[in-house]
Structure formats: structure tokens, C-alpha cells
Amino acid sequence: MIDVLKHRFTGTIPYSKNLEISEQAELALGFLRNPAWDSTWLLCGLWLLPLVILLDWGEGLEPFFLLCTLLFWLTHRFSSCFLAFTSPSYSSVRKVQPLRFLGVPILVILSVFVWLYSPWPTWTLTEKILTLAIIDYAWALYHFAIQHYGVLRLYQLRQPVQSQKIDTCEKNWCLLLGGIVPWFGELAQGTTWLQQEGLLIVTWLTFDSSSTWFLRGTVVFLSLIAWRRLRSQNQSVAYRAYLLSLLLLANAAWWLSPLAFLVLISVQHWLVAVGIAGHAYTVDSPKNQSSWRIVGLWALLTILAVPFLDIDSVDVSNGLGAEWIPSWQALLMESNWLTLFLGLAFASGFVHYLLDRAVYRFSDPILRKQVLRLYLSD
């Protein structure tokens, strides 16, 4: 396997001559770690879909979402930050690229609080918060979609024959099926955040039963084209499994209830992010006796921070904060506290988007040289 990793970087691939049969089979499967681990984390969309459908029929969907929010929402949000500043292999990258890992995130954090607390422009606090929310909403749509491309690319890098190929068409398909198609499905149901906030009123977007079925059929047709287009590249089993989960997610927006789809795409996104970061950290620090204590502390701190950074419930009486802290409503009546919590929520989200890009930007030659081995080793 060492020879395989070496040739992945040099570009020369002695595929059939120098590899044992077991190694060839392993490469054909292409899992990041092993089938069970990948199925739990990266390929979770395949089992989350039937689970969410089952929970949506019963009474368990909201408790399940609450549990996943506590365990994985902020854990995923700070996963790239945790990896960038605790993984030994990323330390050299940070020194070479201080602007990307420190300069820009700090500037973004300062910009958020300057925007909220500055007397200029002479907007109300609500208008300023709404502006940040629109930016976050658009950025999050792209962030969710581009993660799919990142996972497919990661599986692609594990295939020696395909590791040097970068397919722009593949990225465009991910943006379409992972972002635009699901968003349009929510738009058709009138459940996008823009519609709920009254920022997007589409009077012409009304569908009868026949129109809805036509659009569902169109999405299925696009999915089949994508499957044929991307599968034709002779990729690994793991690659095809994740591609299948992406296509299922794209279609789910047109069939599931709005809440069920929100749970599905959110939990899938969180588990993938936590899984990749956890894998890289354990590979980079296999002999660190305190590594599990560090991971446990990280998870505990993120759980405790959920009520303070949850934008959706930070000012709602029945939110997580109200359930955990008796004086939560009185605390939020102090506008300074509310502004502070919302500023932290937006700033942490923006930094998460930036650091995800910095940590997983495998097209960067410095990053490839220093840390790509974490994702290619078994």
C-alpha cells in the first residue's frame, strides 16, 4: 500500500503488475476506511432516507432531529477548525498560508460584529440581522452542494487511475443536484426560508397534481443522466454508493414532507463532515494518548454551545435555550445579549464555510503535499 500512495503522488500507476489481488480489490472498493465505517458516516444518506421516512410516519422525527442537533450540529461546524488547529500535519500548512487560516477568518468575525454594532448604516438591528441571514442562507446552499463534490473527489483521489483527473462537469452536476434541484423542490412547496420570511413571493409558482408529477419525473430523468454520465468514468464502489445517495437526496425534496427533508439533508451533511474530520485526525495522531480526551472535550463544548448559537431558536421561547435555562427569555430581552449571540452564530457559520474550503482544498499543491496522505491511507 505504501507503493500505491507513492505512485499516487508521482503520477505513475503500476496498477496490475505490482499490486496483490487483495490490494486491487481494496482499490476497486475505494472506501475511505472500511465499508462499515464509510456506511456509518460518509454514506449515511443511504440509510438516513428510509429512517427519516419511518420516523416521519410515526412520532419520532422531532426528537431524532433534536438529538442529532445536540450531537452533531456544532460538532460539524467546528470540525474543520478543530482539524486545522490540532492536527500536526496542518500546522505546516497554517504557517505557509496564515492569511487563509487566520487572517481572513478573523477579518470576517470582526466584520460581522462591526456590522451589527456600528451606527452606520442607519439600519435597524433587525434589518442588519436579516442581511446577514440572507448571506448565510445563500452561502449555506452552496456549502451543502459543494460538500457532495468534495466527497466524490475524495473517493476519486483514492483511485490511482482517476486521481489526476478533475472533472468540472462533475462539480456542476453536484451543484445542480445537491443545491439547485432540492432548493427548487422546497420552493415549489413554499417552504424555503426566503418564502417563510416574506422575502420571496412567487405568485406564479402554483402547481397542480399533473405539474408536480411532471417535475418529479424531470428530476428522476436528470438523476438518470447524472448517474450515466458520472458512473461511466469507471469509478469505485464507494464512489458509486455516494453518487447514489446524492441522487436520492435530490429526489427526496420532491417527495418528503418539508420537515423530513430538512432533517435528512442536515443530518447527512453533519455526519459526513464529522466523519471526514475524525478520520483525518485519528490518522494524523494515532499514538497520541490524549487524542480521545481532546475529541470528547471538543464534542462536549459544542453541545453546551448549541443554545447560544442556534439562530433558529435563539429568540424563540420554546427553543433549546428556553428548555435548558429557566431565565432564557429574560436574558434575551437584553438586546446586547441577543446581538452578541446572533453575532457569534453568524460569525461561526461564516468561518466554518471558509475553513472547510481551506482544510479540504485538495487542488492546492501545498495542501496535497502535506495532508493528502491523511485521506489516502487506510
Foldseek 3Di string as FASTA:
>chain_A
DVVQVVCLVVLDDPDPPPDDPVVNQVLQQLDLPDPVLCCVFQLVLVVLVVVLVVCVVDPRNVVVLVVLCLQFVLCLLCLLVCLCPPFPLNVVVCVVVVCLQPVVLVVLLVVLLCQQPPCPPVDDNVVSLVVLVVVLLVLVLQLLLQVLVLVLLLSQSLNSVRNVDDDPVLSVLSSCLRHVLLVVLCVLVQNDPCSVVVNDDDPPSHDDPVRLVVSLVVLVVSLVVSLCVVVVVSGHSSSSSSSVSSSVLSSCSSPDDPSSNVSSSSSSSRSNSSSVSVLLRCLSPVPPPCVVVVSVVSSVVSSVCSQLQVPVPVQPCPDPCVVPPVCSNVQVVPVVSVSVSSSVNSSSSVSSSSSVCVQSVCVDPSNVVRRSVSSNPD
